[in-house]
Amino acid sequence: MNEDRLTVRLATLSEHDRYVAQAQIARAEAIADAVVAVAGWIRKQWNAVRASAHGYNARQWPHPQALR
């Protein structure tokens, strides 16, 4: 929603309802920030696993020394 439209709608509310609405908006923003942080952490872990798997798959099996 456009910031100006939101400001106008909040201004039409009673003081109590405005505080409740602002608290809900703040809560929604905090939840969105938390979801972004968790998604970043998962992406970081996935990239680490992928890099590890790439190194594992790049090895030559069986190892040449094992064939002696």
C-alpha atoms as a PDB file:
ATOM      1  CA  MET A   1       0.000   0.000   0.000  1.00  0.00           C
ATOM      2  CA  ASN A   2       1.214   3.486  -0.778  1.00  0.00           C
ATOM      3  CA  GLU A   3       2.744   5.305   2.213  1.00  0.00           C
ATOM      4  CA  ASP A   4       0.551   8.391   1.682  1.00  0.00           C
ATOM      5  CA  ARG A   5      -2.649   6.350   1.510  1.00  0.00           C
ATOM      6  CA  LEU A   6      -1.642   4.507   4.656  1.00  0.00           C
ATOM      7  CA  THR A   7      -0.969   7.773   6.487  1.00  0.00           C
ATOM      8  CA  VAL A   8      -4.359   9.141   5.454  1.00  0.00           C
ATOM      9  CA  ARG A   9      -6.144   5.991   6.574  1.00  0.00           C
ATOM     10  CA  LEU A  10      -4.307   5.952   9.908  1.00  0.00           C
ATOM     11  CA  ALA A  11      -5.234   9.597  10.467  1.00  0.00           C
ATOM     12  CA  THR A  12      -8.931   8.749  10.143  1.00  0.00           C
ATOM     13  CA  LEU A  13      -8.747   6.206  12.984  1.00  0.00           C
ATOM     14  CA  SER A  14      -9.325   6.907  16.631  1.00  0.00           C
ATOM     15  CA  GLU A  15      -6.198   7.231  18.764  1.00  0.00           C
ATOM     16  CA  HIS A  16      -6.512   3.734  20.202  1.00  0.00           C
ATOM     17  CA  ASP A  17      -7.175   2.127  16.826  1.00  0.00           C
ATOM     18  CA  ARG A  18      -4.253   4.053  15.322  1.00  0.00           C
ATOM     19  CA  TYR A  19      -1.899   2.707  18.014  1.00  0.00           C
ATOM     20  CA  VAL A  20      -3.177  -0.823  17.436  1.00  0.00           C
ATOM     21  CA  ALA A  21      -2.751  -0.479  13.661  1.00  0.00           C
ATOM     22  CA  GLN A  22       0.767   0.918  14.026  1.00  0.00           C
ATOM     23  CA  ALA A  23       1.671  -1.926  16.377  1.00  0.00           C
ATOM     24  CA  GLN A  24       0.358  -4.462  13.862  1.00  0.00           C
ATOM     25  CA  ILE A  25       2.358  -2.822  11.084  1.00  0.00           C
ATOM     26  CA  ALA A  26       5.507  -2.907  13.225  1.00  0.00           C
ATOM     27  CA  ARG A  27       4.873  -6.558  14.049  1.00  0.00           C
ATOM     28  CA  ALA A  28       4.401  -7.432  10.370  1.00  0.00           C
ATOM     29  CA  GLU A  29       7.652  -5.652   9.491  1.00  0.00           C
ATOM     30  CA  ALA A  30       9.491  -7.518  12.259  1.00  0.00           C
ATOM     31  CA  ILE A  31       8.140 -10.856  11.043  1.00  0.00           C
ATOM     32  CA  ALA A  32       9.163 -10.015   7.471  1.00  0.00           C
ATOM     33  CA  ASP A  33      12.678  -9.109   8.651  1.00  0.00           C
ATOM     34  CA  ALA A  34      12.917 -12.393  10.568  1.00  0.00           C
ATOM     35  CA  VAL A  35      11.801 -14.390   7.523  1.00  0.00           C
ATOM     36  CA  VAL A  36      14.415 -12.645   5.370  1.00  0.00           C
ATOM     37  CA  ALA A  37      17.111 -13.403   7.970  1.00  0.00           C
ATOM     38  CA  VAL A  38      16.126 -17.085   8.185  1.00  0.00           C
ATOM     39  CA  ALA A  39      16.022 -17.367   4.392  1.00  0.00           C
ATOM     40  CA  GLY A  40      19.517 -15.852   4.202  1.00  0.00           C
ATOM     41  CA  TRP A  41      20.803 -18.324   6.773  1.00  0.00           C
ATOM     42  CA  ILE A  42      19.233 -21.262   4.905  1.00  0.00           C
ATOM     43  CA  ARG A  43      20.729 -20.009   1.622  1.00  0.00           C
ATOM     44  CA  LYS A  44      24.154 -19.750   3.273  1.00  0.00           C
ATOM     45  CA  GLN A  45      23.889 -23.293   4.635  1.00  0.00           C
ATOM     46  CA  TRP A  46      22.657 -24.635   1.285  1.00  0.00           C
ATOM     47  CA  ASN A  47      25.598 -23.013  -0.527  1.00  0.00           C
ATOM     48  CA  ALA A  48      28.024 -24.548   1.968  1.00  0.00           C
ATOM     49  CA  VAL A  49      26.502 -28.000   1.488  1.00  0.00           C
ATOM     50  CA  ARG A  50      26.538 -27.563  -2.280  1.00  0.00           C
ATOM     51  CA  ALA A  51      30.188 -26.502  -2.251  1.00  0.00           C
ATOM     52  CA  SER A  52      31.063 -29.473  -0.061  1.00  0.00           C
ATOM     53  CA  ALA A  53      29.143 -31.862  -2.317  1.00  0.00           C
ATOM     54  CA  HIS A  54      30.871 -30.415  -5.373  1.00  0.00           C
ATOM     55  CA  GLY A  55      34.268 -31.130  -3.830  1.00  0.00           C
ATOM     56  CA  TYR A  56      33.147 -34.621  -2.893  1.00  0.00           C
ATOM     57  CA  ASN A  57      31.848 -35.398  -6.378  1.00  0.00           C
ATOM     58  CA  ALA A  58      34.956 -33.974  -8.048  1.00  0.00           C
ATOM     59  CA  ARG A  59      37.141 -36.677  -6.493  1.00  0.00           C
ATOM     60  CA  GLN A  60      38.206 -39.640  -8.519  1.00  0.00           C
ATOM     61  CA  TRP A  61      36.809 -42.883  -7.121  1.00  0.00           C
ATOM     62  CA  PRO A  62      38.299 -45.257  -6.404  1.00  0.00           C
ATOM     63  CA  HIS A  63      41.337 -43.353  -5.337  1.00  0.00           C
ATOM     64  CA  PRO A  64      44.395 -44.308  -7.425  1.00  0.00           C
ATOM     65  CA  GLN A  65      46.353 -45.314  -4.290  1.00  0.00           C
ATOM     66  CA  ALA A  66      43.590 -47.747  -3.339  1.00  0.00           C
ATOM     67  CA  LEU A  67      44.116 -49.670  -6.559  1.00  0.00           C
ATOM     68  CA  ARG A  68      47.711 -50.648  -5.707  1.00  0.00           C
END
